[in-house]
Amino acid sequence: MVTGPTGGVGESTALALGAAGAHVVLACRNVDKGKLVAEKIGPTASVHRLDLSDLASVREFASGLRATHETIDVLINNAGVMAVPLQRTADGFEMQMGTNYFGHFALTGLLLDRVTDRVVTVSSAAHRFGRIDLDDPNWERRRYNRAAAYAQSKLANLMFSFELARRLDATGSPVRSLAAHPGYAATNVGSHTGTWFDRLFGFGKKILQRTPERGAESVLCAATEPGLRGGYIGPDGFLELYGSPHSAGCSARARDPETARRLWELSECITGVRFGL
């Protein structure tokens, strides 16, 4: 199952999995775009509506999927928004934290007992610039900075992946939790705000010429490499902007188990989804 499969790295991931013979659940906000991707994959793809910025949609999606799928081999938490102006989700979360992190946290908790092999959560090299503000995760009391908000959401994703791995290992579960980042891939994730940030992002695409297909390699490695028990996969080139998949580096904050534990508890509280781990 892949969230955000209608473009960029998510689409490339879904297409590659479909080409390898997998049944691919395309979880997307825009069902019409999802159907176009499903047509490329063929009869082994199914399209389901999921809006990660709305916990009611997350719950409805999970309930429907549980009714039709006894098992999910691999759950890939890929969907995301990047550097958007201050907006609120249906539940009042800051849009990037709500979509990129809280939505995936809730989704994973609602489906984890159906996962048989692994959960892959997509982070970013931008996590290195992130700080988790446990007192104000949704930018209600701070002056909003959209780049910092994006970095916080991607740090939260990485910390969630590591904390989930710790908790699964503690229970002796065979299910694995891994994280991945695509490097600097040519996608549409940051191209919709019409600002200097977009121009800089677009300039980087032209310089590096890294396609979504190459960006998907790290995600696919994390999702399918049989020898991986956990960890964080990213490209091995300069500053991990490009290259082939390898074990990626991360910030010290990402490895802080106490903050990860507190973030987990906060996330369970405000989403209402409890893992039982």
C-alpha atoms as a PDB file:
ATOM      1  CA  MET A   1       0.000   0.000   0.000  1.00  0.00           C
ATOM      2  CA  VAL A   2       1.350   3.419  -1.007  1.00  0.00           C
ATOM      3  CA  THR A   3       0.081   6.807   0.126  1.00  0.00           C
ATOM      4  CA  GLY A   4       0.544   9.719  -2.260  1.00  0.00           C
ATOM      5  CA  PRO A   5       0.864   7.540  -5.387  1.00  0.00           C
ATOM      6  CA  THR A   6      -0.384  10.021  -7.987  1.00  0.00           C
ATOM      7  CA  GLY A   7       2.911  11.730  -8.790  1.00  0.00           C
ATOM      8  CA  GLY A   8       6.628  11.926  -8.128  1.00  0.00           C
ATOM      9  CA  VAL A   9       8.321   9.366  -5.920  1.00  0.00           C
ATOM     10  CA  GLY A  10       5.030   7.831  -4.804  1.00  0.00           C
ATOM     11  CA  GLU A  11       3.896   7.125  -8.352  1.00  0.00           C
ATOM     12  CA  SER A  12       7.291   5.743  -9.326  1.00  0.00           C
ATOM     13  CA  THR A  13       7.243   3.503  -6.252  1.00  0.00           C
ATOM     14  CA  ALA A  14       3.753   2.220  -7.033  1.00  0.00           C
ATOM     15  CA  LEU A  15       4.594   1.578 -10.698  1.00  0.00           C
ATOM     16  CA  ALA A  16       7.738  -0.350  -9.804  1.00  0.00           C
ATOM     17  CA  LEU A  17       5.915  -2.502  -7.274  1.00  0.00           C
ATOM     18  CA  GLY A  18       3.142  -3.182  -9.768  1.00  0.00           C
ATOM     19  CA  ALA A  19       5.665  -4.124 -12.457  1.00  0.00           C
ATOM     20  CA  ALA A  20       7.181  -6.626 -10.009  1.00  0.00           C
ATOM     21  CA  GLY A  21       3.806  -8.333  -9.625  1.00  0.00           C
ATOM     22  CA  ALA A  22       2.551  -6.813  -6.399  1.00  0.00           C
ATOM     23  CA  HIS A  23      -1.067  -5.935  -5.788  1.00  0.00           C
ATOM     24  CA  VAL A  24      -0.808  -2.210  -5.099  1.00  0.00           C
ATOM     25  CA  VAL A  25      -3.314  -0.282  -3.026  1.00  0.00           C
ATOM     26  CA  LEU A  26      -3.200   3.334  -4.203  1.00  0.00           C
ATOM     27  CA  ALA A  27      -4.259   5.544  -1.293  1.00  0.00           C
ATOM     28  CA  CYS A  28      -4.812   9.042  -2.637  1.00  0.00           C
ATOM     29  CA  ARG A  29      -6.802  12.216  -2.119  1.00  0.00           C
ATOM     30  CA  ASN A  30      -7.549  12.622  -5.840  1.00  0.00           C
ATOM     31  CA  VAL A  31      -9.222   9.408  -6.978  1.00  0.00           C
ATOM     32  CA  ASP A  32      -9.305  10.434 -10.647  1.00  0.00           C
ATOM     33  CA  LYS A  33      -5.515  10.827 -10.670  1.00  0.00           C
ATOM     34  CA  GLY A  34      -5.232   7.547  -8.814  1.00  0.00           C
ATOM     35  CA  LYS A  35      -7.215   5.790 -11.531  1.00  0.00           C
ATOM     36  CA  LEU A  36      -4.753   7.031 -14.144  1.00  0.00           C
ATOM     37  CA  VAL A  37      -1.890   5.441 -12.198  1.00  0.00           C
ATOM     38  CA  ALA A  38      -3.917   2.262 -11.735  1.00  0.00           C
ATOM     39  CA  GLU A  39      -4.409   2.040 -15.494  1.00  0.00           C
ATOM     40  CA  LYS A  40      -0.624   2.058 -15.930  1.00  0.00           C
ATOM     41  CA  ILE A  41      -0.246  -0.774 -13.422  1.00  0.00           C
ATOM     42  CA  GLY A  42      -3.141  -2.905 -14.597  1.00  0.00           C
ATOM     43  CA  PRO A  43      -5.631  -5.137 -12.775  1.00  0.00           C
ATOM     44  CA  THR A  44      -3.395  -5.660  -9.748  1.00  0.00           C
ATOM     45  CA  ALA A  45      -3.945  -2.045  -8.622  1.00  0.00           C
ATOM     46  CA  SER A  46      -6.869  -0.669  -6.647  1.00  0.00           C
ATOM     47  CA  VAL A  47      -7.677   2.946  -5.855  1.00  0.00           C
ATOM     48  CA  HIS A  48      -8.982   4.195  -2.511  1.00  0.00           C
ATOM     49  CA  ARG A  49      -9.645   7.736  -1.331  1.00  0.00           C
ATOM     50  CA  LEU A  50      -7.505   8.934   1.561  1.00  0.00           C
ATOM     51  CA  ASP A  51      -7.063  12.501   2.804  1.00  0.00           C
ATOM     52  CA  LEU A  52      -4.315  12.490   5.416  1.00  0.00           C
ATOM     53  CA  SER A  53      -5.201  16.032   6.456  1.00  0.00           C
ATOM     54  CA  ASP A  54      -8.526  14.770   7.832  1.00  0.00           C
ATOM     55  CA  LEU A  55      -8.537  12.109  10.558  1.00  0.00           C
ATOM     56  CA  ALA A  56     -12.133  11.217   9.733  1.00  0.00           C
ATOM     57  CA  SER A  57     -10.957  10.319   6.215  1.00  0.00           C
ATOM     58  CA  VAL A  58      -8.055   8.324   7.660  1.00  0.00           C
ATOM     59  CA  ARG A  59     -10.435   6.329   9.844  1.00  0.00           C
ATOM     60  CA  GLU A  60     -12.901   5.769   6.998  1.00  0.00           C
ATOM     61  CA  PHE A  61     -10.118   4.620   4.691  1.00  0.00           C
ATOM     62  CA  ALA A  62      -8.662   2.245   7.281  1.00  0.00           C
ATOM     63  CA  SER A  63     -12.066   0.778   8.054  1.00  0.00           C
ATOM     64  CA  GLY A  64     -12.765   0.160   4.376  1.00  0.00           C
ATOM     65  CA  LEU A  65      -9.369  -1.380   3.751  1.00  0.00           C
ATOM     66  CA  ARG A  66      -9.675  -3.670   6.747  1.00  0.00           C
ATOM     67  CA  ALA A  67     -12.979  -4.906   5.338  1.00  0.00           C
ATOM     68  CA  THR A  68     -11.374  -5.915   2.037  1.00  0.00           C
ATOM     69  CA  HIS A  69      -7.785  -6.839   2.953  1.00  0.00           C
ATOM     70  CA  GLU A  70      -6.874  -9.429   5.560  1.00  0.00           C
ATOM     71  CA  THR A  71      -3.186  -8.564   5.248  1.00  0.00           C
ATOM     72  CA  ILE A  72      -0.944  -5.785   4.002  1.00  0.00           C
ATOM     73  CA  ASP A  73       2.593  -6.902   3.256  1.00  0.00           C
ATOM     74  CA  VAL A  74       4.153  -3.444   3.120  1.00  0.00           C
ATOM     75  CA  LEU A  75       2.715  -0.086   4.191  1.00  0.00           C
ATOM     76  CA  ILE A  76       4.537   2.841   2.575  1.00  0.00           C
ATOM     77  CA  ASN A  77       3.861   6.208   4.229  1.00  0.00           C
ATOM     78  CA  ASN A  78       4.915   8.458   1.364  1.00  0.00           C
ATOM     79  CA  ALA A  79       2.377  11.262   0.864  1.00  0.00           C
ATOM     80  CA  GLY A  80       3.348  14.770   1.862  1.00  0.00           C
ATOM     81  CA  VAL A  81       3.105  18.493   1.377  1.00  0.00           C
ATOM     82  CA  MET A  82       6.096  20.815   1.425  1.00  0.00           C
ATOM     83  CA  ALA A  83       6.674  24.409   2.528  1.00  0.00           C
ATOM     84  CA  VAL A  84       3.074  25.559   2.186  1.00  0.00           C
ATOM     85  CA  PRO A  85       1.812  28.831   3.706  1.00  0.00           C
ATOM     86  CA  LEU A  86       0.165  28.500   7.100  1.00  0.00           C
ATOM     87  CA  GLN A  87      -2.948  26.359   6.768  1.00  0.00           C
ATOM     88  CA  ARG A  88      -4.900  24.137   9.137  1.00  0.00           C
ATOM     89  CA  THR A  89      -6.108  20.596   8.605  1.00  0.00           C
ATOM     90  CA  ALA A  90      -9.688  19.547   9.270  1.00  0.00           C
ATOM     91  CA  ASP A  91      -8.577  18.713  12.821  1.00  0.00           C
ATOM     92  CA  GLY A  92      -6.779  22.008  13.405  1.00  0.00           C
ATOM     93  CA  PHE A  93      -3.221  20.736  12.928  1.00  0.00           C
ATOM     94  CA  GLU A  94      -0.636  22.755  11.022  1.00  0.00           C
ATOM     95  CA  MET A  95      -0.968  21.399   7.482  1.00  0.00           C
ATOM     96  CA  GLN A  96       2.521  19.931   7.067  1.00  0.00           C
ATOM     97  CA  MET A  97       2.677  18.356  10.514  1.00  0.00           C
ATOM     98  CA  GLY A  98      -0.888  17.150  10.145  1.00  0.00           C
ATOM     99  CA  THR A  99      -0.524  15.637   6.675  1.00  0.00           C
ATOM    100  CA  ASN A 100       3.061  14.422   6.705  1.00  0.00           C
ATOM    101  CA  TYR A 101       3.173  13.136  10.261  1.00  0.00           C
ATOM    102  CA  PHE A 102      -0.051  12.978  12.304  1.00  0.00           C
ATOM    103  CA  GLY A 103      -2.060  11.534   9.410  1.00  0.00           C
ATOM    104  CA  HIS A 104       0.496   8.786   8.812  1.00  0.00           C
ATOM    105  CA  PHE A 105       0.848   8.111  12.537  1.00  0.00           C
ATOM    106  CA  ALA A 106      -2.901   7.536  12.799  1.00  0.00           C
ATOM    107  CA  LEU A 107      -3.034   5.494   9.590  1.00  0.00           C
ATOM    108  CA  THR A 108      -0.232   3.205  10.727  1.00  0.00           C
ATOM    109  CA  GLY A 109      -1.857   2.661  14.115  1.00  0.00           C
ATOM    110  CA  LEU A 110      -5.182   1.752  12.510  1.00  0.00           C
ATOM    111  CA  LEU A 111      -3.624  -0.763  10.098  1.00  0.00           C
ATOM    112  CA  LEU A 112      -0.585  -2.119  11.927  1.00  0.00           C
ATOM    113  CA  ASP A 113      -2.213  -5.394  12.962  1.00  0.00           C
ATOM    114  CA  ARG A 114      -2.762  -6.173   9.273  1.00  0.00           C
ATOM    115  CA  VAL A 115       0.858  -5.528   8.267  1.00  0.00           C
ATOM    116  CA  THR A 116       2.835  -8.739   7.817  1.00  0.00           C
ATOM    117  CA  ASP A 117       6.288  -7.534   6.780  1.00  0.00           C
ATOM    118  CA  ARG A 118       7.169  -3.862   7.201  1.00  0.00           C
ATOM    119  CA  VAL A 119       6.219  -0.210   7.480  1.00  0.00           C
ATOM    120  CA  VAL A 120       8.261   2.277   5.455  1.00  0.00           C
ATOM    121  CA  THR A 121       7.953   5.954   6.347  1.00  0.00           C
ATOM    122  CA  VAL A 122       9.373   8.568   4.003  1.00  0.00           C
ATOM    123  CA  SER A 123      11.430  11.316   5.623  1.00  0.00           C
ATOM    124  CA  SER A 124      13.814  13.847   4.088  1.00  0.00           C
ATOM    125  CA  ALA A 125      17.358  15.101   4.433  1.00  0.00           C
ATOM    126  CA  ALA A 126      15.611  18.297   5.590  1.00  0.00           C
ATOM    127  CA  HIS A 127      14.922  16.546   8.891  1.00  0.00           C
ATOM    128  CA  ARG A 128      18.409  17.686   9.928  1.00  0.00           C
ATOM    129  CA  PHE A 129      17.069  21.248  10.175  1.00  0.00           C
ATOM    130  CA  GLY A 130      14.042  20.215  12.209  1.00  0.00           C
ATOM    131  CA  ARG A 131      13.241  20.594  15.885  1.00  0.00           C
ATOM    132  CA  ILE A 132      10.279  19.001  17.611  1.00  0.00           C
ATOM    133  CA  ASP A 133       8.392  21.539  19.704  1.00  0.00           C
ATOM    134  CA  LEU A 134       6.296  19.313  21.945  1.00  0.00           C
ATOM    135  CA  ASP A 135       4.626  22.354  23.511  1.00  0.00           C
ATOM    136  CA  ASP A 136       3.587  23.836  20.165  1.00  0.00           C
ATOM    137  CA  PRO A 137       3.777  21.206  17.398  1.00  0.00           C
ATOM    138  CA  ASN A 138       1.080  22.942  15.359  1.00  0.00           C
ATOM    139  CA  TRP A 139       2.529  26.460  15.320  1.00  0.00           C
ATOM    140  CA  GLU A 140      -0.229  28.056  17.351  1.00  0.00           C
ATOM    141  CA  ARG A 141       2.038  30.171  19.537  1.00  0.00           C
ATOM    142  CA  ARG A 142       5.141  30.549  17.374  1.00  0.00           C
ATOM    143  CA  ARG A 143       5.653  32.764  14.360  1.00  0.00           C
ATOM    144  CA  TYR A 144       5.128  30.440  11.426  1.00  0.00           C
ATOM    145  CA  ASN A 145       8.063  29.405   9.275  1.00  0.00           C
ATOM    146  CA  ARG A 146       6.998  27.013   6.555  1.00  0.00           C
ATOM    147  CA  ALA A 147      10.469  25.602   5.883  1.00  0.00           C
ATOM    148  CA  ALA A 148      10.952  24.946   9.604  1.00  0.00           C
ATOM    149  CA  ALA A 149       7.481  23.399   9.758  1.00  0.00           C
ATOM    150  CA  TYR A 150       8.362  21.054   6.913  1.00  0.00           C
ATOM    151  CA  ALA A 151      11.630  20.079   8.588  1.00  0.00           C
ATOM    152  CA  GLN A 152       9.795  19.413  11.860  1.00  0.00           C
ATOM    153  CA  SER A 153       7.293  17.146  10.109  1.00  0.00           C
ATOM    154  CA  LYS A 154      10.038  15.127   8.431  1.00  0.00           C
ATOM    155  CA  LEU A 155      11.999  14.836  11.671  1.00  0.00           C
ATOM    156  CA  ALA A 156       8.800  13.609  13.319  1.00  0.00           C
ATOM    157  CA  ASN A 157       8.423  10.966  10.589  1.00  0.00           C
ATOM    158  CA  LEU A 158      11.953   9.715  11.131  1.00  0.00           C
ATOM    159  CA  MET A 159      11.600   9.651  14.907  1.00  0.00           C
ATOM    160  CA  PHE A 160       8.299   7.807  14.533  1.00  0.00           C
ATOM    161  CA  SER A 161       9.918   5.176  12.332  1.00  0.00           C
ATOM    162  CA  PHE A 162      12.732   4.598  14.819  1.00  0.00           C
ATOM    163  CA  GLU A 163      10.364   4.532  17.804  1.00  0.00           C
ATOM    164  CA  LEU A 164       8.016   2.110  16.046  1.00  0.00           C
ATOM    165  CA  ALA A 165      10.999  -0.152  15.369  1.00  0.00           C
ATOM    166  CA  ARG A 166      11.979  -0.061  19.048  1.00  0.00           C
ATOM    167  CA  ARG A 167       8.462  -0.902  20.178  1.00  0.00           C
ATOM    168  CA  LEU A 168       7.977  -3.687  17.641  1.00  0.00           C
ATOM    169  CA  ASP A 169      11.317  -5.230  18.593  1.00  0.00           C
ATOM    170  CA  ALA A 170      10.394  -5.054  22.279  1.00  0.00           C
ATOM    171  CA  THR A 171       7.307  -7.187  21.625  1.00  0.00           C
ATOM    172  CA  GLY A 172       9.171  -9.692  19.454  1.00  0.00           C
ATOM    173  CA  SER A 173       7.068  -8.764  16.432  1.00  0.00           C
ATOM    174  CA  PRO A 174       8.344  -9.924  13.028  1.00  0.00           C
ATOM    175  CA  VAL A 175       7.104  -6.655  11.505  1.00  0.00           C
ATOM    176  CA  ARG A 176       9.845  -4.194  10.623  1.00  0.00           C
ATOM    177  CA  SER A 177       9.859  -0.403  10.603  1.00  0.00           C
ATOM    178  CA  LEU A 178      12.173   1.443   8.234  1.00  0.00           C
ATOM    179  CA  ALA A 179      12.551   4.984   6.979  1.00  0.00           C
ATOM    180  CA  ALA A 180      13.751   6.269   3.628  1.00  0.00           C
ATOM    181  CA  HIS A 181      14.447   9.517   1.890  1.00  0.00           C
ATOM    182  CA  PRO A 182      14.615  10.056  -1.886  1.00  0.00           C
ATOM    183  CA  GLY A 183      17.359  12.658  -2.019  1.00  0.00           C
ATOM    184  CA  TYR A 184      16.760  15.602  -4.324  1.00  0.00           C
ATOM    185  CA  ALA A 185      14.197  14.141  -6.719  1.00  0.00           C
ATOM    186  CA  ALA A 186      12.339  16.024  -9.439  1.00  0.00           C
ATOM    187  CA  THR A 187       8.790  15.982  -8.070  1.00  0.00           C
ATOM    188  CA  ASN A 188       5.912  18.412  -7.692  1.00  0.00           C
ATOM    189  CA  VAL A 189       5.954  18.380  -3.901  1.00  0.00           C
ATOM    190  CA  GLY A 190       7.360  21.870  -3.513  1.00  0.00           C
ATOM    191  CA  SER A 191       6.287  23.542  -6.723  1.00  0.00           C
ATOM    192  CA  HIS A 192       2.919  25.052  -5.957  1.00  0.00           C
ATOM    193  CA  THR A 193       3.461  28.171  -3.892  1.00  0.00           C
ATOM    194  CA  GLY A 194       5.016  30.440  -6.538  1.00  0.00           C
ATOM    195  CA  THR A 195       7.730  31.902  -4.304  1.00  0.00           C
ATOM    196  CA  TRP A 196      11.515  32.130  -4.078  1.00  0.00           C
ATOM    197  CA  PHE A 197      11.438  28.730  -2.366  1.00  0.00           C
ATOM    198  CA  ASP A 198       9.853  27.191  -5.466  1.00  0.00           C
ATOM    199  CA  ARG A 199      12.349  28.886  -7.761  1.00  0.00           C
ATOM    200  CA  LEU A 200      15.252  27.583  -5.681  1.00  0.00           C
ATOM    201  CA  PHE A 201      13.709  24.109  -5.609  1.00  0.00           C
ATOM    202  CA  GLY A 202      13.199  24.174  -9.386  1.00  0.00           C
ATOM    203  CA  PHE A 203      16.773  25.342  -9.964  1.00  0.00           C
ATOM    204  CA  GLY A 204      18.031  22.403  -7.942  1.00  0.00           C
ATOM    205  CA  LYS A 205      15.988  20.007 -10.056  1.00  0.00           C
ATOM    206  CA  LYS A 206      17.590  21.347 -13.231  1.00  0.00           C
ATOM    207  CA  ILE A 207      21.114  21.116 -11.786  1.00  0.00           C
ATOM    208  CA  LEU A 208      20.833  17.597 -10.405  1.00  0.00           C
ATOM    209  CA  GLN A 209      18.446  16.149 -13.004  1.00  0.00           C
ATOM    210  CA  ARG A 210      17.374  13.457 -10.530  1.00  0.00           C
ATOM    211  CA  THR A 211      14.164  11.809 -11.655  1.00  0.00           C
ATOM    212  CA  PRO A 212      11.349  10.528  -9.439  1.00  0.00           C
ATOM    213  CA  GLU A 213      12.324   7.028 -10.559  1.00  0.00           C
ATOM    214  CA  ARG A 214      15.791   7.460  -9.060  1.00  0.00           C
ATOM    215  CA  GLY A 215      14.298   9.024  -5.958  1.00  0.00           C
ATOM    216  CA  ALA A 216      12.046   6.000  -5.536  1.00  0.00           C
ATOM    217  CA  GLU A 217      15.031   3.652  -5.380  1.00  0.00           C
ATOM    218  CA  SER A 218      15.627   4.334  -1.689  1.00  0.00           C
ATOM    219  CA  VAL A 219      11.958   3.774  -0.861  1.00  0.00           C
ATOM    220  CA  LEU A 220      11.867   0.568  -2.881  1.00  0.00           C
ATOM    221  CA  CYS A 221      15.032  -0.679  -1.209  1.00  0.00           C
ATOM    222  CA  ALA A 222      13.542  -0.045   2.225  1.00  0.00           C
ATOM    223  CA  ALA A 223      10.305  -1.722   1.156  1.00  0.00           C
ATOM    224  CA  THR A 224      11.686  -4.851  -0.485  1.00  0.00           C
ATOM    225  CA  GLU A 225      15.296  -5.613   0.503  1.00  0.00           C
ATOM    226  CA  PRO A 226      14.956  -8.863   2.481  1.00  0.00           C
ATOM    227  CA  GLY A 227      18.052  -8.409   4.627  1.00  0.00           C
ATOM    228  CA  LEU A 228      17.006  -5.115   6.194  1.00  0.00           C
ATOM    229  CA  ARG A 229      15.671  -5.303   9.732  1.00  0.00           C
ATOM    230  CA  GLY A 230      15.375  -1.555  10.206  1.00  0.00           C
ATOM    231  CA  GLY A 231      17.219   1.698   9.671  1.00  0.00           C
ATOM    232  CA  TYR A 232      17.132   4.674   7.334  1.00  0.00           C
ATOM    233  CA  ILE A 233      17.829   4.365   3.610  1.00  0.00           C
ATOM    234  CA  GLY A 234      18.888   7.216   1.332  1.00  0.00           C
ATOM    235  CA  PRO A 235      21.149   7.926  -1.656  1.00  0.00           C
ATOM    236  CA  ASP A 236      24.913   7.573  -1.233  1.00  0.00           C
ATOM    237  CA  GLY A 237      26.035  10.600  -3.263  1.00  0.00           C
ATOM    238  CA  PHE A 238      27.190  14.075  -2.223  1.00  0.00           C
ATOM    239  CA  LEU A 239      25.193  15.259   0.819  1.00  0.00           C
ATOM    240  CA  GLU A 240      22.856  12.323   0.074  1.00  0.00           C
ATOM    241  CA  LEU A 241      21.254  14.417  -2.666  1.00  0.00           C
ATOM    242  CA  TYR A 242      21.648  11.713  -5.299  1.00  0.00           C
ATOM    243  CA  GLY A 243      23.138   8.275  -5.770  1.00  0.00           C
ATOM    244  CA  SER A 244      22.251   4.665  -5.053  1.00  0.00           C
ATOM    245  CA  PRO A 245      20.480   3.464  -1.891  1.00  0.00           C
ATOM    246  CA  HIS A 246      22.578   2.943   1.220  1.00  0.00           C
ATOM    247  CA  SER A 247      22.304   3.304   4.985  1.00  0.00           C
ATOM    248  CA  ALA A 248      21.747   7.038   5.432  1.00  0.00           C
ATOM    249  CA  GLY A 249      22.931   9.312   8.194  1.00  0.00           C
ATOM    250  CA  CYS A 250      20.604  11.256  10.444  1.00  0.00           C
ATOM    251  CA  SER A 251      20.703  14.000  13.050  1.00  0.00           C
ATOM    252  CA  ALA A 252      21.271  13.348  16.738  1.00  0.00           C
ATOM    253  CA  ARG A 253      17.753  14.659  17.381  1.00  0.00           C
ATOM    254  CA  ALA A 254      16.303  11.878  15.242  1.00  0.00           C
ATOM    255  CA  ARG A 255      17.937   9.311  17.539  1.00  0.00           C
ATOM    256  CA  ASP A 256      16.706  10.864  20.807  1.00  0.00           C
ATOM    257  CA  PRO A 257      14.563   8.112  22.383  1.00  0.00           C
ATOM    258  CA  GLU A 258      13.110  10.294  25.141  1.00  0.00           C
ATOM    259  CA  THR A 259      11.776  12.931  22.755  1.00  0.00           C
ATOM    260  CA  ALA A 260      10.526  10.164  20.459  1.00  0.00           C
ATOM    261  CA  ARG A 261       8.648   8.587  23.363  1.00  0.00           C
ATOM    262  CA  ARG A 262       7.068  11.893  24.319  1.00  0.00           C
ATOM    263  CA  LEU A 263       6.152  12.635  20.695  1.00  0.00           C
ATOM    264  CA  TRP A 264       4.543   9.202  20.420  1.00  0.00           C
ATOM    265  CA  GLU A 265       2.465   9.779  23.557  1.00  0.00           C
ATOM    266  CA  LEU A 266       1.434  13.242  22.364  1.00  0.00           C
ATOM    267  CA  SER A 267       0.481  11.821  18.974  1.00  0.00           C
ATOM    268  CA  GLU A 268      -1.667   9.092  20.492  1.00  0.00           C
ATOM    269  CA  CYS A 269      -3.391  11.691  22.633  1.00  0.00           C
ATOM    270  CA  ILE A 270      -4.236  14.213  19.931  1.00  0.00           C
ATOM    271  CA  THR A 271      -5.100  11.713  17.167  1.00  0.00           C
ATOM    272  CA  GLY A 272      -6.994   9.340  19.427  1.00  0.00           C
ATOM    273  CA  VAL A 273      -5.191   6.369  17.864  1.00  0.00           C
ATOM    274  CA  ARG A 274      -3.396   4.016  20.235  1.00  0.00           C
ATOM    275  CA  PHE A 275      -1.044   1.310  19.040  1.00  0.00           C
ATOM    276  CA  GLY A 276      -1.012  -0.923  22.093  1.00  0.00           C
ATOM    277  CA  LEU A 277       2.785  -1.178  21.905  1.00  0.00           C
END
